[in-house]
Amino acid sequence: MRIRKLLRVRFVVYSFTEQEKIMAELTPMMQKYMETKEQYKDCILFYRLGDFYEMFFDDAIVASKELEIALTGKSCGLEERAPMCGIPYHA
């Protein structure tokens, strides 16, 4: 009887939250971006990719308006493209 109780405790059903499902669909680069963004929620995150600093999602929308630069999109693993804007590293 005691063994059955121990077995029941070990078999815990893990259900993904909606956020975990979305994170699993993202590209590895975008997952890293989101992990970093989680640490700096109140900042606009300039994420260096090659010769550009890029901003995504809400950061991109705000930055594109404030900096008066083009807002575009980038494939991120989800159905819709992530809003994105960027500035050159060597500007």
PDB file of N, CA and C in Angstrom:
ATOM      1  N   MET A   1       0.821  -1.201   0.000  1.00  0.00           N
ATOM      2  CA  MET A   1       0.000   0.000   0.000  1.00  0.00           C
ATOM      3  C   MET A   1       0.862   1.261   0.000  1.00  0.00           C
ATOM      4  N   ARG A   2       1.918   1.262   0.774  1.00  0.00           N
ATOM      5  CA  ARG A   2       2.796   2.429   0.849  1.00  0.00           C
ATOM      6  C   ARG A   2       3.449   2.697  -0.509  1.00  0.00           C
ATOM      7  N   ILE A   3       3.809   1.656  -1.240  1.00  0.00           N
ATOM      8  CA  ILE A   3       4.432   1.821  -2.556  1.00  0.00           C
ATOM      9  C   ILE A   3       3.463   2.525  -3.504  1.00  0.00           C
ATOM     10  N   ARG A   4       2.207   2.162  -3.490  1.00  0.00           N
ATOM     11  CA  ARG A   4       1.224   2.810  -4.358  1.00  0.00           C
ATOM     12  C   ARG A   4       1.132   4.310  -4.070  1.00  0.00           C
ATOM     13  N   LYS A   5       1.159   4.678  -2.802  1.00  0.00           N
ATOM     14  CA  LYS A   5       1.097   6.096  -2.450  1.00  0.00           C
ATOM     15  C   LYS A   5       2.321   6.828  -2.982  1.00  0.00           C
ATOM     16  N   LEU A   6       3.483   6.224  -2.878  1.00  0.00           N
ATOM     17  CA  LEU A   6       4.702   6.842  -3.390  1.00  0.00           C
ATOM     18  C   LEU A   6       4.636   6.998  -4.903  1.00  0.00           C
ATOM     19  N   LEU A   7       4.119   5.993  -5.586  1.00  0.00           N
ATOM     20  CA  LEU A   7       4.006   6.070  -7.036  1.00  0.00           C
ATOM     21  C   LEU A   7       3.059   7.181  -7.460  1.00  0.00           C
ATOM     22  N   ARG A   8       1.976   7.349  -6.747  1.00  0.00           N
ATOM     23  CA  ARG A   8       1.032   8.412  -7.084  1.00  0.00           C
ATOM     24  C   ARG A   8       1.680   9.794  -6.962  1.00  0.00           C
ATOM     25  N   VAL A   9       2.514   9.958  -5.977  1.00  0.00           N
ATOM     26  CA  VAL A   9       3.182  11.239  -5.778  1.00  0.00           C
ATOM     27  C   VAL A   9       4.169  11.510  -6.906  1.00  0.00           C
ATOM     28  N   ARG A  10       4.835  10.493  -7.389  1.00  0.00           N
ATOM     29  CA  ARG A  10       5.850  10.666  -8.425  1.00  0.00           C
ATOM     30  C   ARG A  10       5.256  11.007  -9.783  1.00  0.00           C
ATOM     31  N   PHE A  11       4.066  10.574 -10.068  1.00  0.00           N
ATOM     32  CA  PHE A  11       3.450  10.829 -11.368  1.00  0.00           C
ATOM     33  C   PHE A  11       2.587  12.085 -11.301  1.00  0.00           C
ATOM     34  N   VAL A  12       3.230  13.198 -11.470  1.00  0.00           N
ATOM     35  CA  VAL A  12       2.544  14.483 -11.448  1.00  0.00           C
ATOM     36  C   VAL A  12       2.294  14.902 -12.887  1.00  0.00           C
ATOM     37  N   VAL A  13       1.080  15.300 -13.174  1.00  0.00           N
ATOM     38  CA  VAL A  13       0.737  15.755 -14.516  1.00  0.00           C
ATOM     39  C   VAL A  13       1.196  17.198 -14.653  1.00  0.00           C
ATOM     40  N   TYR A  14       2.023  17.456 -15.646  1.00  0.00           N
ATOM     41  CA  TYR A  14       2.535  18.799 -15.895  1.00  0.00           C
ATOM     42  C   TYR A  14       1.773  19.394 -17.059  1.00  0.00           C
ATOM     43  N   SER A  15       1.128  20.493 -16.822  1.00  0.00           N
ATOM     44  CA  SER A  15       0.411  21.144 -17.910  1.00  0.00           C
ATOM     45  C   SER A  15       1.112  22.454 -18.243  1.00  0.00           C
ATOM     46  N   PHE A  16       1.246  22.709 -19.527  1.00  0.00           N
ATOM     47  CA  PHE A  16       1.881  23.936 -19.982  1.00  0.00           C
ATOM     48  C   PHE A  16       0.940  25.116 -19.777  1.00  0.00           C
ATOM     49  N   THR A  17       1.491  26.203 -19.320  1.00  0.00           N
ATOM     50  CA  THR A  17       0.719  27.435 -19.283  1.00  0.00           C
ATOM     51  C   THR A  17       0.712  27.993 -20.699  1.00  0.00           C
ATOM     52  N   GLU A  18      -0.145  28.947 -20.944  1.00  0.00           N
ATOM     53  CA  GLU A  18      -0.213  29.559 -22.278  1.00  0.00           C
ATOM     54  C   GLU A  18       1.127  30.192 -22.648  1.00  0.00           C
ATOM     55  N   GLN A  19       1.772  30.832 -21.677  1.00  0.00           N
ATOM     56  CA  GLN A  19       3.067  31.470 -21.938  1.00  0.00           C
ATOM     57  C   GLN A  19       4.126  30.431 -22.311  1.00  0.00           C
ATOM     58  N   GLU A  20       4.128  29.293 -21.636  1.00  0.00           N
ATOM     59  CA  GLU A  20       5.101  28.239 -21.949  1.00  0.00           C
ATOM     60  C   GLU A  20       4.863  27.672 -23.345  1.00  0.00           C
ATOM     61  N   LYS A  21       3.606  27.562 -23.751  1.00  0.00           N
ATOM     62  CA  LYS A  21       3.303  27.078 -25.098  1.00  0.00           C
ATOM     63  C   LYS A  21       3.847  28.039 -26.144  1.00  0.00           C
ATOM     64  N   ILE A  22       3.637  29.327 -25.916  1.00  0.00           N
ATOM     65  CA  ILE A  22       4.129  30.326 -26.863  1.00  0.00           C
ATOM     66  C   ILE A  22       5.650  30.310 -26.908  1.00  0.00           C
ATOM     67  N   MET A  23       6.291  30.248 -25.740  1.00  0.00           N
ATOM     68  CA  MET A  23       7.760  30.228 -25.691  1.00  0.00           C
ATOM     69  C   MET A  23       8.316  29.025 -26.445  1.00  0.00           C
ATOM     70  N   ALA A  24       7.649  27.881 -26.358  1.00  0.00           N
ATOM     71  CA  ALA A  24       8.115  26.674 -27.038  1.00  0.00           C
ATOM     72  C   ALA A  24       8.049  26.814 -28.554  1.00  0.00           C
ATOM     73  N   GLU A  25       7.144  27.652 -29.055  1.00  0.00           N
ATOM     74  CA  GLU A  25       7.000  27.844 -30.498  1.00  0.00           C
ATOM     75  C   GLU A  25       7.996  28.855 -31.060  1.00  0.00           C
ATOM     76  N   LEU A  26       8.565  29.687 -30.198  1.00  0.00           N
ATOM     77  CA  LEU A  26       9.475  30.732 -30.661  1.00  0.00           C
ATOM     78  C   LEU A  26      10.804  30.157 -31.139  1.00  0.00           C
ATOM     79  N   THR A  27      11.468  30.891 -32.018  1.00  0.00           N
ATOM     80  CA  THR A  27      12.809  30.503 -32.445  1.00  0.00           C
ATOM     81  C   THR A  27      13.750  30.636 -31.246  1.00  0.00           C
ATOM     82  N   PRO A  28      14.885  29.920 -31.257  1.00  0.00           N
ATOM     83  CA  PRO A  28      15.832  30.021 -30.136  1.00  0.00           C
ATOM     84  C   PRO A  28      16.284  31.462 -29.860  1.00  0.00           C
ATOM     85  N   MET A  29      16.521  32.234 -30.920  1.00  0.00           N
ATOM     86  CA  MET A  29      16.934  33.625 -30.728  1.00  0.00           C
ATOM     87  C   MET A  29      15.845  34.413 -30.018  1.00  0.00           C
ATOM     88  N   MET A  30      14.603  34.217 -30.429  1.00  0.00           N
ATOM     89  CA  MET A  30      13.501  34.958 -29.828  1.00  0.00           C
ATOM     90  C   MET A  30      13.244  34.487 -28.396  1.00  0.00           C
ATOM     91  N   GLN A  31      13.480  33.212 -28.109  1.00  0.00           N
ATOM     92  CA  GLN A  31      13.360  32.727 -26.732  1.00  0.00           C
ATOM     93  C   GLN A  31      14.358  33.446 -25.832  1.00  0.00           C
ATOM     94  N   LYS A  32      15.597  33.588 -26.309  1.00  0.00           N
ATOM     95  CA  LYS A  32      16.627  34.289 -25.539  1.00  0.00           C
ATOM     96  C   LYS A  32      16.242  35.752 -25.346  1.00  0.00           C
ATOM     97  N   TYR A  33      15.723  36.370 -26.394  1.00  0.00           N
ATOM     98  CA  TYR A  33      15.263  37.759 -26.294  1.00  0.00           C
ATOM     99  C   TYR A  33      14.201  37.882 -25.201  1.00  0.00           C
ATOM    100  N   MET A  34      13.218  36.987 -25.210  1.00  0.00           N
ATOM    101  CA  MET A  34      12.124  37.056 -24.245  1.00  0.00           C
ATOM    102  C   MET A  34      12.619  36.814 -22.818  1.00  0.00           C
ATOM    103  N   GLU A  35      13.584  35.907 -22.659  1.00  0.00           N
ATOM    104  CA  GLU A  35      14.162  35.665 -21.334  1.00  0.00           C
ATOM    105  C   GLU A  35      14.856  36.921 -20.820  1.00  0.00           C
ATOM    106  N   THR A  36      15.607  37.589 -21.689  1.00  0.00           N
ATOM    107  CA  THR A  36      16.293  38.823 -21.300  1.00  0.00           C
ATOM    108  C   THR A  36      15.283  39.924 -21.017  1.00  0.00           C
ATOM    109  N   LYS A  37      14.274  40.033 -21.858  1.00  0.00           N
ATOM    110  CA  LYS A  37      13.241  41.061 -21.692  1.00  0.00           C
ATOM    111  C   LYS A  37      12.512  40.885 -20.365  1.00  0.00           C
ATOM    112  N   GLU A  38      12.320  39.659 -19.930  1.00  0.00           N
ATOM    113  CA  GLU A  38      11.652  39.379 -18.659  1.00  0.00           C
ATOM    114  C   GLU A  38      12.400  40.038 -17.493  1.00  0.00           C
ATOM    115  N   GLN A  39      13.714  40.138 -17.600  1.00  0.00           N
ATOM    116  CA  GLN A  39      14.533  40.747 -16.545  1.00  0.00           C
ATOM    117  C   GLN A  39      14.469  42.272 -16.574  1.00  0.00           C
ATOM    118  N   TYR A  40      14.142  42.840 -17.729  1.00  0.00           N
ATOM    119  CA  TYR A  40      14.143  44.295 -17.904  1.00  0.00           C
ATOM    120  C   TYR A  40      12.815  44.759 -18.507  1.00  0.00           C
ATOM    121  N   LYS A  41      11.741  44.443 -17.817  1.00  0.00           N
ATOM    122  CA  LYS A  41      10.393  44.712 -18.329  1.00  0.00           C
ATOM    123  C   LYS A  41      10.123  46.191 -18.579  1.00  0.00           C
ATOM    124  N   ASP A  42      10.706  47.056 -17.764  1.00  0.00           N
ATOM    125  CA  ASP A  42      10.401  48.483 -17.867  1.00  0.00           C
ATOM    126  C   ASP A  42      11.361  49.239 -18.787  1.00  0.00           C
ATOM    127  N   CYS A  43      12.175  48.520 -19.542  1.00  0.00           N
ATOM    128  CA  CYS A  43      13.159  49.135 -20.444  1.00  0.00           C
ATOM    129  C   CYS A  43      12.883  48.728 -21.889  1.00  0.00           C
ATOM    130  N   ILE A  44      13.328  49.562 -22.810  1.00  0.00           N
ATOM    131  CA  ILE A  44      13.321  49.160 -24.214  1.00  0.00           C
ATOM    132  C   ILE A  44      14.620  48.406 -24.444  1.00  0.00           C
ATOM    133  N   LEU A  45      14.503  47.170 -24.851  1.00  0.00           N
ATOM    134  CA  LEU A  45      15.666  46.301 -25.018  1.00  0.00           C
ATOM    135  C   LEU A  45      16.187  46.394 -26.446  1.00  0.00           C
ATOM    136  N   PHE A  46      17.415  46.896 -26.596  1.00  0.00           N
ATOM    137  CA  PHE A  46      18.103  46.929 -27.891  1.00  0.00           C
ATOM    138  C   PHE A  46      18.913  45.641 -27.965  1.00  0.00           C
ATOM    139  N   TYR A  47      18.532  44.735 -28.837  1.00  0.00           N
ATOM    140  CA  TYR A  47      19.126  43.400 -28.918  1.00  0.00           C
ATOM    141  C   TYR A  47      20.036  43.350 -30.140  1.00  0.00           C
ATOM    142  N   ARG A  48      21.333  43.165 -29.925  1.00  0.00           N
ATOM    143  CA  ARG A  48      22.267  43.210 -31.049  1.00  0.00           C
ATOM    144  C   ARG A  48      22.227  41.908 -31.838  1.00  0.00           C
ATOM    145  N   LEU A  49      21.975  42.065 -33.131  1.00  0.00           N
ATOM    146  CA  LEU A  49      21.980  40.945 -34.071  1.00  0.00           C
ATOM    147  C   LEU A  49      22.817  41.372 -35.270  1.00  0.00           C
ATOM    148  N   GLY A  50      24.022  40.855 -35.365  1.00  0.00           N
ATOM    149  CA  GLY A  50      24.900  41.238 -36.463  1.00  0.00           C
ATOM    150  C   GLY A  50      25.268  42.702 -36.378  1.00  0.00           C
ATOM    151  N   ASP A  51      24.985  43.444 -37.433  1.00  0.00           N
ATOM    152  CA  ASP A  51      25.328  44.863 -37.497  1.00  0.00           C
ATOM    153  C   ASP A  51      24.194  45.782 -37.053  1.00  0.00           C
ATOM    154  N   PHE A  52      23.178  45.227 -36.416  1.00  0.00           N
ATOM    155  CA  PHE A  52      22.031  46.039 -35.999  1.00  0.00           C
ATOM    156  C   PHE A  52      21.669  45.783 -34.541  1.00  0.00           C
ATOM    157  N   TYR A  53      21.090  46.801 -33.927  1.00  0.00           N
ATOM    158  CA  TYR A  53      20.384  46.649 -32.666  1.00  0.00           C
ATOM    159  C   TYR A  53      18.913  46.585 -33.040  1.00  0.00           C
ATOM    160  N   GLU A  54      18.255  45.507 -32.649  1.00  0.00           N
ATOM    161  CA  GLU A  54      16.857  45.324 -33.017  1.00  0.00           C
ATOM    162  C   GLU A  54      15.975  45.318 -31.779  1.00  0.00           C
ATOM    163  N   MET A  55      14.770  45.825 -31.953  1.00  0.00           N
ATOM    164  CA  MET A  55      13.761  45.824 -30.907  1.00  0.00           C
ATOM    165  C   MET A  55      12.548  45.069 -31.435  1.00  0.00           C
ATOM    166  N   PHE A  56      11.840  44.386 -30.545  1.00  0.00           N
ATOM    167  CA  PHE A  56      10.719  43.554 -30.954  1.00  0.00           C
ATOM    168  C   PHE A  56       9.477  43.853 -30.124  1.00  0.00           C
ATOM    169  N   PHE A  57       8.341  43.450 -30.667  1.00  0.00           N
ATOM    170  CA  PHE A  57       7.031  43.530 -30.018  1.00  0.00           C
ATOM    171  C   PHE A  57       6.725  44.966 -29.575  1.00  0.00           C
ATOM    172  N   ASP A  58       6.279  45.165 -28.326  1.00  0.00           N
ATOM    173  CA  ASP A  58       5.894  46.506 -27.869  1.00  0.00           C
ATOM    174  C   ASP A  58       7.066  47.478 -27.900  1.00  0.00           C
ATOM    175  N   ASP A  59       8.273  46.982 -27.588  1.00  0.00           N
ATOM    176  CA  ASP A  59       9.462  47.844 -27.652  1.00  0.00           C
ATOM    177  C   ASP A  59       9.629  48.418 -29.055  1.00  0.00           C
ATOM    178  N   ALA A  60       9.406  47.599 -30.062  1.00  0.00           N
ATOM    179  CA  ALA A  60       9.564  48.046 -31.448  1.00  0.00           C
ATOM    180  C   ALA A  60       8.525  49.100 -31.807  1.00  0.00           C
ATOM    181  N   ILE A  61       7.315  48.915 -31.348  1.00  0.00           N
ATOM    182  CA  ILE A  61       6.251  49.873 -31.653  1.00  0.00           C
ATOM    183  C   ILE A  61       6.570  51.232 -31.030  1.00  0.00           C
ATOM    184  N   VAL A  62       6.970  51.224 -29.764  1.00  0.00           N
ATOM    185  CA  VAL A  62       7.309  52.474 -29.079  1.00  0.00           C
ATOM    186  C   VAL A  62       8.543  53.113 -29.711  1.00  0.00           C
ATOM    187  N   ALA A  63       9.604  52.329 -29.905  1.00  0.00           N
ATOM    188  CA  ALA A  63      10.862  52.867 -30.440  1.00  0.00           C
ATOM    189  C   ALA A  63      10.686  53.421 -31.851  1.00  0.00           C
ATOM    190  N   SER A  64       9.905  52.739 -32.677  1.00  0.00           N
ATOM    191  CA  SER A  64       9.729  53.216 -34.051  1.00  0.00           C
ATOM    192  C   SER A  64       9.047  54.583 -34.076  1.00  0.00           C
ATOM    193  N   LYS A  65       8.114  54.800 -33.166  1.00  0.00           N
ATOM    194  CA  LYS A  65       7.444  56.105 -33.095  1.00  0.00           C
ATOM    195  C   LYS A  65       8.379  57.175 -32.543  1.00  0.00           C
ATOM    196  N   GLU A  66       9.063  56.859 -31.449  1.00  0.00           N
ATOM    197  CA  GLU A  66       9.921  57.847 -30.793  1.00  0.00           C
ATOM    198  C   GLU A  66      11.162  58.180 -31.619  1.00  0.00           C
ATOM    199  N   LEU A  67      11.729  57.182 -32.287  1.00  0.00           N
ATOM    200  CA  LEU A  67      12.940  57.402 -33.082  1.00  0.00           C
ATOM    201  C   LEU A  67      12.632  57.748 -34.536  1.00  0.00           C
ATOM    202  N   GLU A  68      11.353  57.684 -34.877  1.00  0.00           N
ATOM    203  CA  GLU A  68      10.902  57.953 -36.247  1.00  0.00           C
ATOM    204  C   GLU A  68      11.629  57.064 -37.262  1.00  0.00           C
ATOM    205  N   ILE A  69      11.595  55.764 -36.979  1.00  0.00           N
ATOM    206  CA  ILE A  69      12.180  54.774 -37.887  1.00  0.00           C
ATOM    207  C   ILE A  69      11.095  53.793 -38.306  1.00  0.00           C
ATOM    208  N   ALA A  70      11.365  53.070 -39.368  1.00  0.00           N
ATOM    209  CA  ALA A  70      10.370  52.150 -39.929  1.00  0.00           C
ATOM    210  C   ALA A  70      10.087  50.984 -38.989  1.00  0.00           C
ATOM    211  N   LEU A  71       8.818  50.644 -38.897  1.00  0.00           N
ATOM    212  CA  LEU A  71       8.380  49.463 -38.162  1.00  0.00           C
ATOM    213  C   LEU A  71       8.128  48.374 -39.187  1.00  0.00           C
ATOM    214  N   THR A  72       8.743  47.237 -38.990  1.00  0.00           N
ATOM    215  CA  THR A  72       8.577  46.115 -39.908  1.00  0.00           C
ATOM    216  C   THR A  72       8.258  44.873 -39.083  1.00  0.00           C
ATOM    217  N   GLY A  73       8.473  43.714 -39.621  1.00  0.00           N
ATOM    218  CA  GLY A  73       8.209  42.485 -38.897  1.00  0.00           C
ATOM    219  C   GLY A  73       9.307  41.473 -39.123  1.00  0.00           C
ATOM    220  N   LYS A  74       9.414  40.538 -38.194  1.00  0.00           N
ATOM    221  CA  LYS A  74      10.429  39.494 -38.307  1.00  0.00           C
ATOM    222  C   LYS A  74       9.789  38.168 -37.938  1.00  0.00           C
ATOM    223  N   SER A  75      10.120  37.140 -38.682  1.00  0.00           N
ATOM    224  CA  SER A  75       9.628  35.803 -38.385  1.00  0.00           C
ATOM    225  C   SER A  75      10.190  35.372 -37.033  1.00  0.00           C
ATOM    226  N   CYS A  76       9.306  34.873 -36.173  1.00  0.00           N
ATOM    227  CA  CYS A  76       9.749  34.522 -34.819  1.00  0.00           C
ATOM    228  C   CYS A  76       9.318  33.115 -34.407  1.00  0.00           C
ATOM    229  N   GLY A  77       8.713  32.377 -35.317  1.00  0.00           N
ATOM    230  CA  GLY A  77       8.251  31.037 -34.993  1.00  0.00           C
ATOM    231  C   GLY A  77       6.752  30.960 -34.761  1.00  0.00           C
ATOM    232  N   LEU A  78       6.100  32.087 -34.602  1.00  0.00           N
ATOM    233  CA  LEU A  78       4.650  32.130 -34.431  1.00  0.00           C
ATOM    234  C   LEU A  78       3.990  32.351 -35.783  1.00  0.00           C
ATOM    235  N   GLU A  79       2.669  32.270 -35.822  1.00  0.00           N
ATOM    236  CA  GLU A  79       1.948  32.483 -37.082  1.00  0.00           C
ATOM    237  C   GLU A  79       2.161  33.895 -37.611  1.00  0.00           C
ATOM    238  N   GLU A  80       2.087  34.870 -36.723  1.00  0.00           N
ATOM    239  CA  GLU A  80       2.277  36.261 -37.128  1.00  0.00           C
ATOM    240  C   GLU A  80       3.727  36.667 -36.912  1.00  0.00           C
ATOM    241  N   ARG A  81       4.191  37.591 -37.744  1.00  0.00           N
ATOM    242  CA  ARG A  81       5.539  38.116 -37.586  1.00  0.00           C
ATOM    243  C   ARG A  81       5.576  39.055 -36.382  1.00  0.00           C
ATOM    244  N   ALA A  82       6.708  39.076 -35.695  1.00  0.00           N
ATOM    245  CA  ALA A  82       6.880  39.967 -34.548  1.00  0.00           C
ATOM    246  C   ALA A  82       7.152  41.380 -35.044  1.00  0.00           C
ATOM    247  N   PRO A  83       6.470  42.394 -34.501  1.00  0.00           N
ATOM    248  CA  PRO A  83       6.827  43.766 -34.861  1.00  0.00           C
ATOM    249  C   PRO A  83       8.302  43.988 -34.535  1.00  0.00           C
ATOM    250  N   MET A  84       9.028  44.641 -35.455  1.00  0.00           N
ATOM    251  CA  MET A  84      10.464  44.808 -35.286  1.00  0.00           C
ATOM    252  C   MET A  84      10.915  46.118 -35.897  1.00  0.00           C
ATOM    253  N   CYS A  85      11.890  46.752 -35.268  1.00  0.00           N
ATOM    254  CA  CYS A  85      12.592  47.888 -35.856  1.00  0.00           C
ATOM    255  C   CYS A  85      14.044  47.776 -35.419  1.00  0.00           C
ATOM    256  N   GLY A  86      14.911  48.477 -36.114  1.00  0.00           N
ATOM    257  CA  GLY A  86      16.317  48.374 -35.768  1.00  0.00           C
ATOM    258  C   GLY A  86      17.111  49.588 -36.189  1.00  0.00           C
ATOM    259  N   ILE A  87      18.276  49.706 -35.574  1.00  0.00           N
ATOM    260  CA  ILE A  87      19.213  50.764 -35.936  1.00  0.00           C
ATOM    261  C   ILE A  87      20.578  50.126 -36.157  1.00  0.00           C
ATOM    262  N   PRO A  88      21.380  50.669 -37.068  1.00  0.00           N
ATOM    263  CA  PRO A  88      22.695  50.091 -37.332  1.00  0.00           C
ATOM    264  C   PRO A  88      23.626  50.226 -36.125  1.00  0.00           C
ATOM    265  N   TYR A  89      24.471  49.241 -35.945  1.00  0.00           N
ATOM    266  CA  TYR A  89      25.467  49.249 -34.880  1.00  0.00           C
ATOM    267  C   TYR A  89      26.494  50.349 -35.124  1.00  0.00           C
ATOM    268  N   HIS A  90      26.851  50.585 -36.373  1.00  0.00           N
ATOM    269  CA  HIS A  90      27.889  51.553 -36.729  1.00  0.00           C
ATOM    270  C   HIS A  90      27.322  52.907 -37.121  1.00  0.00           C
ATOM    271  N   ALA A  91      26.226  53.315 -36.533  1.00  0.00           N
ATOM    272  CA  ALA A  91      25.599  54.591 -36.913  1.00  0.00           C
ATOM    273  C   ALA A  91      26.316  55.769 -36.283  1.00  0.00           C
TER     274      ALA A  91
END
